[in-house]
Amino acid sequence: MNAYMAIDQYGQTFHDLKHPRKDLMDRLGCQHADKLYIDKADGSIVSAGYVIAGLWLTVYKVTRIDKPA
């Protein structure tokens, strides 16, 4: 199963998110979330997280680093 984390605009982190939107809304005590969009260097626009309770939360997928032995 995928694991996610989020960082808000103040540097506060939220770890161990299995379902990012739902888990963040539960932790922040809110029932509404808007998508957070960012512009990429190539000019495209992508969804990178959520705006919940006045916090701009960028969501990251956490993966294990596998190095060859």
PDB file of N, CA and C in Angstrom:
ATOM      1  N   MET A   1       0.841  -1.184   0.000  1.00  0.00           N
ATOM      2  CA  MET A   1       0.000   0.000   0.000  1.00  0.00           C
ATOM      3  C   MET A   1       0.885   1.246   0.000  1.00  0.00           C
ATOM      4  N   ASN A   2       0.433   2.267  -0.686  1.00  0.00           N
ATOM      5  CA  ASN A   2       1.182   3.514  -0.765  1.00  0.00           C
ATOM      6  C   ASN A   2       1.095   4.301   0.534  1.00  0.00           C
ATOM      7  N   ALA A   3       2.167   4.984   0.850  1.00  0.00           N
ATOM      8  CA  ALA A   3       2.193   5.873   2.007  1.00  0.00           C
ATOM      9  C   ALA A   3       2.457   7.288   1.499  1.00  0.00           C
ATOM     10  N   TYR A   4       1.836   8.268   2.135  1.00  0.00           N
ATOM     11  CA  TYR A   4       1.966   9.656   1.728  1.00  0.00           C
ATOM     12  C   TYR A   4       2.298  10.517   2.940  1.00  0.00           C
ATOM     13  N   MET A   5       2.835  11.700   2.653  1.00  0.00           N
ATOM     14  CA  MET A   5       3.052  12.703   3.687  1.00  0.00           C
ATOM     15  C   MET A   5       2.687  14.052   3.074  1.00  0.00           C
ATOM     16  N   ALA A   6       2.443  15.044   3.916  1.00  0.00           N
ATOM     17  CA  ALA A   6       2.115  16.377   3.431  1.00  0.00           C
ATOM     18  C   ALA A   6       2.911  17.404   4.221  1.00  0.00           C
ATOM     19  N   ILE A   7       3.232  18.513   3.541  1.00  0.00           N
ATOM     20  CA  ILE A   7       3.927  19.630   4.176  1.00  0.00           C
ATOM     21  C   ILE A   7       3.135  20.891   3.859  1.00  0.00           C
ATOM     22  N   ASP A   8       2.822  21.693   4.908  1.00  0.00           N
ATOM     23  CA  ASP A   8       2.081  22.935   4.682  1.00  0.00           C
ATOM     24  C   ASP A   8       3.041  24.091   4.414  1.00  0.00           C
ATOM     25  N   GLN A   9       2.491  25.272   4.171  1.00  0.00           N
ATOM     26  CA  GLN A   9       3.315  26.428   3.798  1.00  0.00           C
ATOM     27  C   GLN A   9       4.198  26.908   4.939  1.00  0.00           C
ATOM     28  N   TYR A  10       3.963  26.440   6.159  1.00  0.00           N
ATOM     29  CA  TYR A  10       4.782  26.838   7.312  1.00  0.00           C
ATOM     30  C   TYR A  10       5.834  25.792   7.667  1.00  0.00           C
ATOM     31  N   GLY A  11       5.868  24.683   6.915  1.00  0.00           N
ATOM     32  CA  GLY A  11       6.843  23.630   7.172  1.00  0.00           C
ATOM     33  C   GLY A  11       6.362  22.545   8.105  1.00  0.00           C
ATOM     34  N   GLN A  12       5.116  22.620   8.551  1.00  0.00           N
ATOM     35  CA  GLN A  12       4.554  21.587   9.424  1.00  0.00           C
ATOM     36  C   GLN A  12       4.311  20.334   8.582  1.00  0.00           C
ATOM     37  N   THR A  13       4.669  19.171   9.120  1.00  0.00           N
ATOM     38  CA  THR A  13       4.528  17.928   8.365  1.00  0.00           C
ATOM     39  C   THR A  13       3.422  17.052   8.937  1.00  0.00           C
ATOM     40  N   PHE A  14       2.829  16.279   8.067  1.00  0.00           N
ATOM     41  CA  PHE A  14       1.784  15.316   8.420  1.00  0.00           C
ATOM     42  C   PHE A  14       2.220  13.985   7.813  1.00  0.00           C
ATOM     43  N   HIS A  15       2.473  12.984   8.663  1.00  0.00           N
ATOM     44  CA  HIS A  15       3.007  11.701   8.220  1.00  0.00           C
ATOM     45  C   HIS A  15       1.955  10.602   8.302  1.00  0.00           C
ATOM     46  N   ASP A  16       2.296   9.446   7.728  1.00  0.00           N
ATOM     47  CA  ASP A  16       1.474   8.233   7.784  1.00  0.00           C
ATOM     48  C   ASP A  16       0.078   8.444   7.218  1.00  0.00           C
ATOM     49  N   LEU A  17      -0.004   9.066   6.056  1.00  0.00           N
ATOM     50  CA  LEU A  17      -1.288   9.266   5.393  1.00  0.00           C
ATOM     51  C   LEU A  17      -1.516   8.113   4.424  1.00  0.00           C
ATOM     52  N   LYS A  18      -2.588   7.365   4.609  1.00  0.00           N
ATOM     53  CA  LYS A  18      -2.937   6.284   3.687  1.00  0.00           C
ATOM     54  C   LYS A  18      -3.851   6.809   2.580  1.00  0.00           C
ATOM     55  N   HIS A  19      -4.786   7.673   2.939  1.00  0.00           N
ATOM     56  CA  HIS A  19      -5.708   8.333   2.020  1.00  0.00           C
ATOM     57  C   HIS A  19      -5.563   9.836   2.293  1.00  0.00           C
ATOM     58  N   PRO A  20      -4.663  10.515   1.567  1.00  0.00           N
ATOM     59  CA  PRO A  20      -4.258  11.874   1.932  1.00  0.00           C
ATOM     60  C   PRO A  20      -5.396  12.857   2.193  1.00  0.00           C
ATOM     61  N   ARG A  21      -6.341  12.969   1.285  1.00  0.00           N
ATOM     62  CA  ARG A  21      -7.412  13.961   1.450  1.00  0.00           C
ATOM     63  C   ARG A  21      -8.242  13.671   2.697  1.00  0.00           C
ATOM     64  N   LYS A  22      -8.696  12.430   2.818  1.00  0.00           N
ATOM     65  CA  LYS A  22      -9.531  12.046   3.959  1.00  0.00           C
ATOM     66  C   LYS A  22      -8.772  12.165   5.277  1.00  0.00           C
ATOM     67  N   ASP A  23      -7.545  11.647   5.317  1.00  0.00           N
ATOM     68  CA  ASP A  23      -6.762  11.680   6.553  1.00  0.00           C
ATOM     69  C   ASP A  23      -6.445  13.107   6.992  1.00  0.00           C
ATOM     70  N   LEU A  24      -6.105  13.986   6.037  1.00  0.00           N
ATOM     71  CA  LEU A  24      -5.816  15.377   6.391  1.00  0.00           C
ATOM     72  C   LEU A  24      -7.060  16.091   6.898  1.00  0.00           C
ATOM     73  N   MET A  25      -8.206  15.863   6.260  1.00  0.00           N
ATOM     74  CA  MET A  25      -9.440  16.506   6.722  1.00  0.00           C
ATOM     75  C   MET A  25      -9.801  16.027   8.128  1.00  0.00           C
ATOM     76  N   ASP A  26      -9.614  14.736   8.406  1.00  0.00           N
ATOM     77  CA  ASP A  26      -9.881  14.208   9.751  1.00  0.00           C
ATOM     78  C   ASP A  26      -8.957  14.848  10.784  1.00  0.00           C
ATOM     79  N   ARG A  27      -7.663  14.942  10.478  1.00  0.00           N
ATOM     80  CA  ARG A  27      -6.696  15.497  11.431  1.00  0.00           C
ATOM     81  C   ARG A  27      -6.913  16.985  11.678  1.00  0.00           C
ATOM     82  N   LEU A  28      -7.380  17.700  10.647  1.00  0.00           N
ATOM     83  CA  LEU A  28      -7.584  19.141  10.781  1.00  0.00           C
ATOM     84  C   LEU A  28      -9.017  19.499  11.162  1.00  0.00           C
ATOM     85  N   GLY A  29      -9.890  18.503  11.282  1.00  0.00           N
ATOM     86  CA  GLY A  29     -11.266  18.729  11.718  1.00  0.00           C
ATOM     87  C   GLY A  29     -12.111  19.493  10.710  1.00  0.00           C
ATOM     88  N   CYS A  30     -11.906  19.233   9.428  1.00  0.00           N
ATOM     89  CA  CYS A  30     -12.656  19.931   8.375  1.00  0.00           C
ATOM     90  C   CYS A  30     -13.403  18.924   7.511  1.00  0.00           C
ATOM     91  N   GLN A  31     -14.398  19.431   6.792  1.00  0.00           N
ATOM     92  CA  GLN A  31     -15.175  18.578   5.904  1.00  0.00           C
ATOM     93  C   GLN A  31     -15.076  19.015   4.451  1.00  0.00           C
ATOM     94  N   HIS A  32     -14.219  19.998   4.162  1.00  0.00           N
ATOM     95  CA  HIS A  32     -14.094  20.491   2.797  1.00  0.00           C
ATOM     96  C   HIS A  32     -12.617  20.681   2.449  1.00  0.00           C
ATOM     97  N   ALA A  33     -12.276  20.302   1.231  1.00  0.00           N
ATOM     98  CA  ALA A  33     -10.907  20.488   0.741  1.00  0.00           C
ATOM     99  C   ALA A  33     -10.958  20.932  -0.712  1.00  0.00           C
ATOM    100  N   ASP A  34     -10.127  21.899  -1.059  1.00  0.00           N
ATOM    101  CA  ASP A  34      -9.954  22.314  -2.442  1.00  0.00           C
ATOM    102  C   ASP A  34      -8.625  21.777  -2.938  1.00  0.00           C
ATOM    103  N   LYS A  35      -8.529  21.534  -4.243  1.00  0.00           N
ATOM    104  CA  LYS A  35      -7.260  21.082  -4.811  1.00  0.00           C
ATOM    105  C   LYS A  35      -6.279  22.245  -4.872  1.00  0.00           C
ATOM    106  N   LEU A  36      -5.006  21.925  -4.672  1.00  0.00           N
ATOM    107  CA  LEU A  36      -3.907  22.884  -4.784  1.00  0.00           C
ATOM    108  C   LEU A  36      -3.210  22.624  -6.113  1.00  0.00           C
ATOM    109  N   TYR A  37      -3.149  23.633  -6.963  1.00  0.00           N
ATOM    110  CA  TYR A  37      -2.525  23.497  -8.275  1.00  0.00           C
ATOM    111  C   TYR A  37      -1.210  24.261  -8.305  1.00  0.00           C
ATOM    112  N   ILE A  38      -0.238  23.715  -9.043  1.00  0.00           N
ATOM    113  CA  ILE A  38       1.037  24.402  -9.230  1.00  0.00           C
ATOM    114  C   ILE A  38       1.382  24.416 -10.719  1.00  0.00           C
ATOM    115  N   ASP A  39       2.175  25.404 -11.115  1.00  0.00           N
ATOM    116  CA  ASP A  39       2.672  25.501 -12.481  1.00  0.00           C
ATOM    117  C   ASP A  39       4.016  24.785 -12.555  1.00  0.00           C
ATOM    118  N   LYS A  40       4.185  23.959 -13.579  1.00  0.00           N
ATOM    119  CA  LYS A  40       5.461  23.286 -13.804  1.00  0.00           C
ATOM    120  C   LYS A  40       6.316  24.115 -14.746  1.00  0.00           C
ATOM    121  N   ALA A  41       7.599  23.791 -14.818  1.00  0.00           N
ATOM    122  CA  ALA A  41       8.536  24.540 -15.647  1.00  0.00           C
ATOM    123  C   ALA A  41       8.162  24.501 -17.129  1.00  0.00           C
ATOM    124  N   ASP A  42       7.515  23.420 -17.578  1.00  0.00           N
ATOM    125  CA  ASP A  42       7.138  23.313 -18.989  1.00  0.00           C
ATOM    126  C   ASP A  42       5.839  24.050 -19.315  1.00  0.00           C
ATOM    127  N   GLY A  43       5.256  24.721 -18.326  1.00  0.00           N
ATOM    128  CA  GLY A  43       4.042  25.500 -18.540  1.00  0.00           C
ATOM    129  C   GLY A  43       2.757  24.769 -18.219  1.00  0.00           C
ATOM    130  N   SER A  44       2.835  23.486 -17.915  1.00  0.00           N
ATOM    131  CA  SER A  44       1.628  22.734 -17.572  1.00  0.00           C
ATOM    132  C   SER A  44       1.237  22.994 -16.113  1.00  0.00           C
ATOM    133  N   ILE A  45       0.002  22.674 -15.800  1.00  0.00           N
ATOM    134  CA  ILE A  45      -0.525  22.865 -14.446  1.00  0.00           C
ATOM    135  C   ILE A  45      -0.923  21.501 -13.900  1.00  0.00           C
ATOM    136  N   VAL A  46      -0.506  21.211 -12.668  1.00  0.00           N
ATOM    137  CA  VAL A  46      -0.813  19.922 -12.051  1.00  0.00           C
ATOM    138  C   VAL A  46      -1.359  20.124 -10.643  1.00  0.00           C
ATOM    139  N   SER A  47      -2.151  19.163 -10.192  1.00  0.00           N
ATOM    140  CA  SER A  47      -2.635  19.172  -8.821  1.00  0.00           C
ATOM    141  C   SER A  47      -1.542  18.589  -7.941  1.00  0.00           C
ATOM    142  N   ALA A  48      -1.147  19.317  -6.884  1.00  0.00           N
ATOM    143  CA  ALA A  48      -0.025  18.885  -6.048  1.00  0.00           C
ATOM    144  C   ALA A  48      -0.424  18.693  -4.594  1.00  0.00           C
ATOM    145  N   GLY A  49      -1.706  18.862  -4.265  1.00  0.00           N
ATOM    146  CA  GLY A  49      -2.128  18.711  -2.885  1.00  0.00           C
ATOM    147  C   GLY A  49      -3.490  19.322  -2.668  1.00  0.00           C
ATOM    148  N   TYR A  50      -3.693  19.857  -1.444  1.00  0.00           N
ATOM    149  CA  TYR A  50      -5.008  20.361  -1.056  1.00  0.00           C
ATOM    150  C   TYR A  50      -4.881  21.634  -0.227  1.00  0.00           C
ATOM    151  N   VAL A  51      -5.927  22.441  -0.268  1.00  0.00           N
ATOM    152  CA  VAL A  51      -6.059  23.585   0.626  1.00  0.00           C
ATOM    153  C   VAL A  51      -7.143  23.200   1.626  1.00  0.00           C
ATOM    154  N   ILE A  52      -6.744  23.044   2.886  1.00  0.00           N
ATOM    155  CA  ILE A  52      -7.661  22.605   3.942  1.00  0.00           C
ATOM    156  C   ILE A  52      -7.438  23.499   5.151  1.00  0.00           C
ATOM    157  N   ALA A  53      -8.511  24.060   5.671  1.00  0.00           N
ATOM    158  CA  ALA A  53      -8.462  24.889   6.886  1.00  0.00           C
ATOM    159  C   ALA A  53      -7.423  26.012   6.769  1.00  0.00           C
ATOM    160  N   GLY A  54      -7.303  26.612   5.589  1.00  0.00           N
ATOM    161  CA  GLY A  54      -6.369  27.707   5.392  1.00  0.00           C
ATOM    162  C   GLY A  54      -4.924  27.281   5.212  1.00  0.00           C
ATOM    163  N   LEU A  55      -4.669  25.986   5.183  1.00  0.00           N
ATOM    164  CA  LEU A  55      -3.314  25.475   4.984  1.00  0.00           C
ATOM    165  C   LEU A  55      -3.149  24.987   3.560  1.00  0.00           C
ATOM    166  N   TRP A  56      -2.049  25.351   2.935  1.00  0.00           N
ATOM    167  CA  TRP A  56      -1.726  24.874   1.605  1.00  0.00           C
ATOM    168  C   TRP A  56      -0.842  23.645   1.785  1.00  0.00           C
ATOM    169  N   LEU A  57      -1.388  22.475   1.549  1.00  0.00           N
ATOM    170  CA  LEU A  57      -0.708  21.219   1.836  1.00  0.00           C
ATOM    171  C   LEU A  57      -0.240  20.548   0.548  1.00  0.00           C
ATOM    172  N   THR A  58       1.069  20.441   0.398  1.00  0.00           N
ATOM    173  CA  THR A  58       1.646  19.728  -0.737  1.00  0.00           C
ATOM    174  C   THR A  58       1.822  18.280  -0.311  1.00  0.00           C
ATOM    175  N   VAL A  59       1.305  17.350  -1.115  1.00  0.00           N
ATOM    176  CA  VAL A  59       1.323  15.927  -0.773  1.00  0.00           C
ATOM    177  C   VAL A  59       2.443  15.231  -1.543  1.00  0.00           C
ATOM    178  N   TYR A  60       3.181  14.378  -0.833  1.00  0.00           N
ATOM    179  CA  TYR A  60       4.286  13.621  -1.408  1.00  0.00           C
ATOM    180  C   TYR A  60       4.055  12.131  -1.201  1.00  0.00           C
ATOM    181  N   LYS A  61       4.407  11.337  -2.195  1.00  0.00           N
ATOM    182  CA  LYS A  61       4.354   9.886  -2.067  1.00  0.00           C
ATOM    183  C   LYS A  61       5.670   9.425  -1.463  1.00  0.00           C
ATOM    184  N   VAL A  62       5.613   8.617  -0.423  1.00  0.00           N
ATOM    185  CA  VAL A  62       6.805   8.123   0.257  1.00  0.00           C
ATOM    186  C   VAL A  62       7.149   6.742  -0.301  1.00  0.00           C
ATOM    187  N   THR A  63       8.379   6.596  -0.795  1.00  0.00           N
ATOM    188  CA  THR A  63       8.820   5.312  -1.320  1.00  0.00           C
ATOM    189  C   THR A  63      10.132   4.896  -0.675  1.00  0.00           C
ATOM    190  N   ARG A  64      10.356   3.620  -0.590  1.00  0.00           N
ATOM    191  CA  ARG A  64      11.579   3.090  -0.022  1.00  0.00           C
ATOM    192  C   ARG A  64      12.695   3.196  -1.050  1.00  0.00           C
ATOM    193  N   ILE A  65      13.891   3.489  -0.596  1.00  0.00           N
ATOM    194  CA  ILE A  65      15.043   3.551  -1.486  1.00  0.00           C
ATOM    195  C   ILE A  65      15.611   2.139  -1.599  1.00  0.00           C
ATOM    196  N   ASP A  66      15.601   1.606  -2.807  1.00  0.00           N
ATOM    197  CA  ASP A  66      16.179   0.285  -3.066  1.00  0.00           C
ATOM    198  C   ASP A  66      17.502   0.473  -3.788  1.00  0.00           C
ATOM    199  N   LYS A  67      18.573   0.013  -3.153  1.00  0.00           N
ATOM    200  CA  LYS A  67      19.893   0.080  -3.780  1.00  0.00           C
ATOM    201  C   LYS A  67      20.363  -1.331  -4.068  1.00  0.00           C
ATOM    202  N   PRO A  68      20.971  -1.543  -5.225  1.00  0.00           N
ATOM    203  CA  PRO A  68      21.490  -2.880  -5.512  1.00  0.00           C
ATOM    204  C   PRO A  68      22.592  -3.269  -4.524  1.00  0.00           C
ATOM    205  N   ALA A  69      22.611  -4.531  -4.169  1.00  0.00           N
ATOM    206  CA  ALA A  69      23.604  -5.015  -3.190  1.00  0.00           C
ATOM    207  C   ALA A  69      24.974  -5.147  -3.798  1.00  0.00           C
TER     208      ALA A  69
END
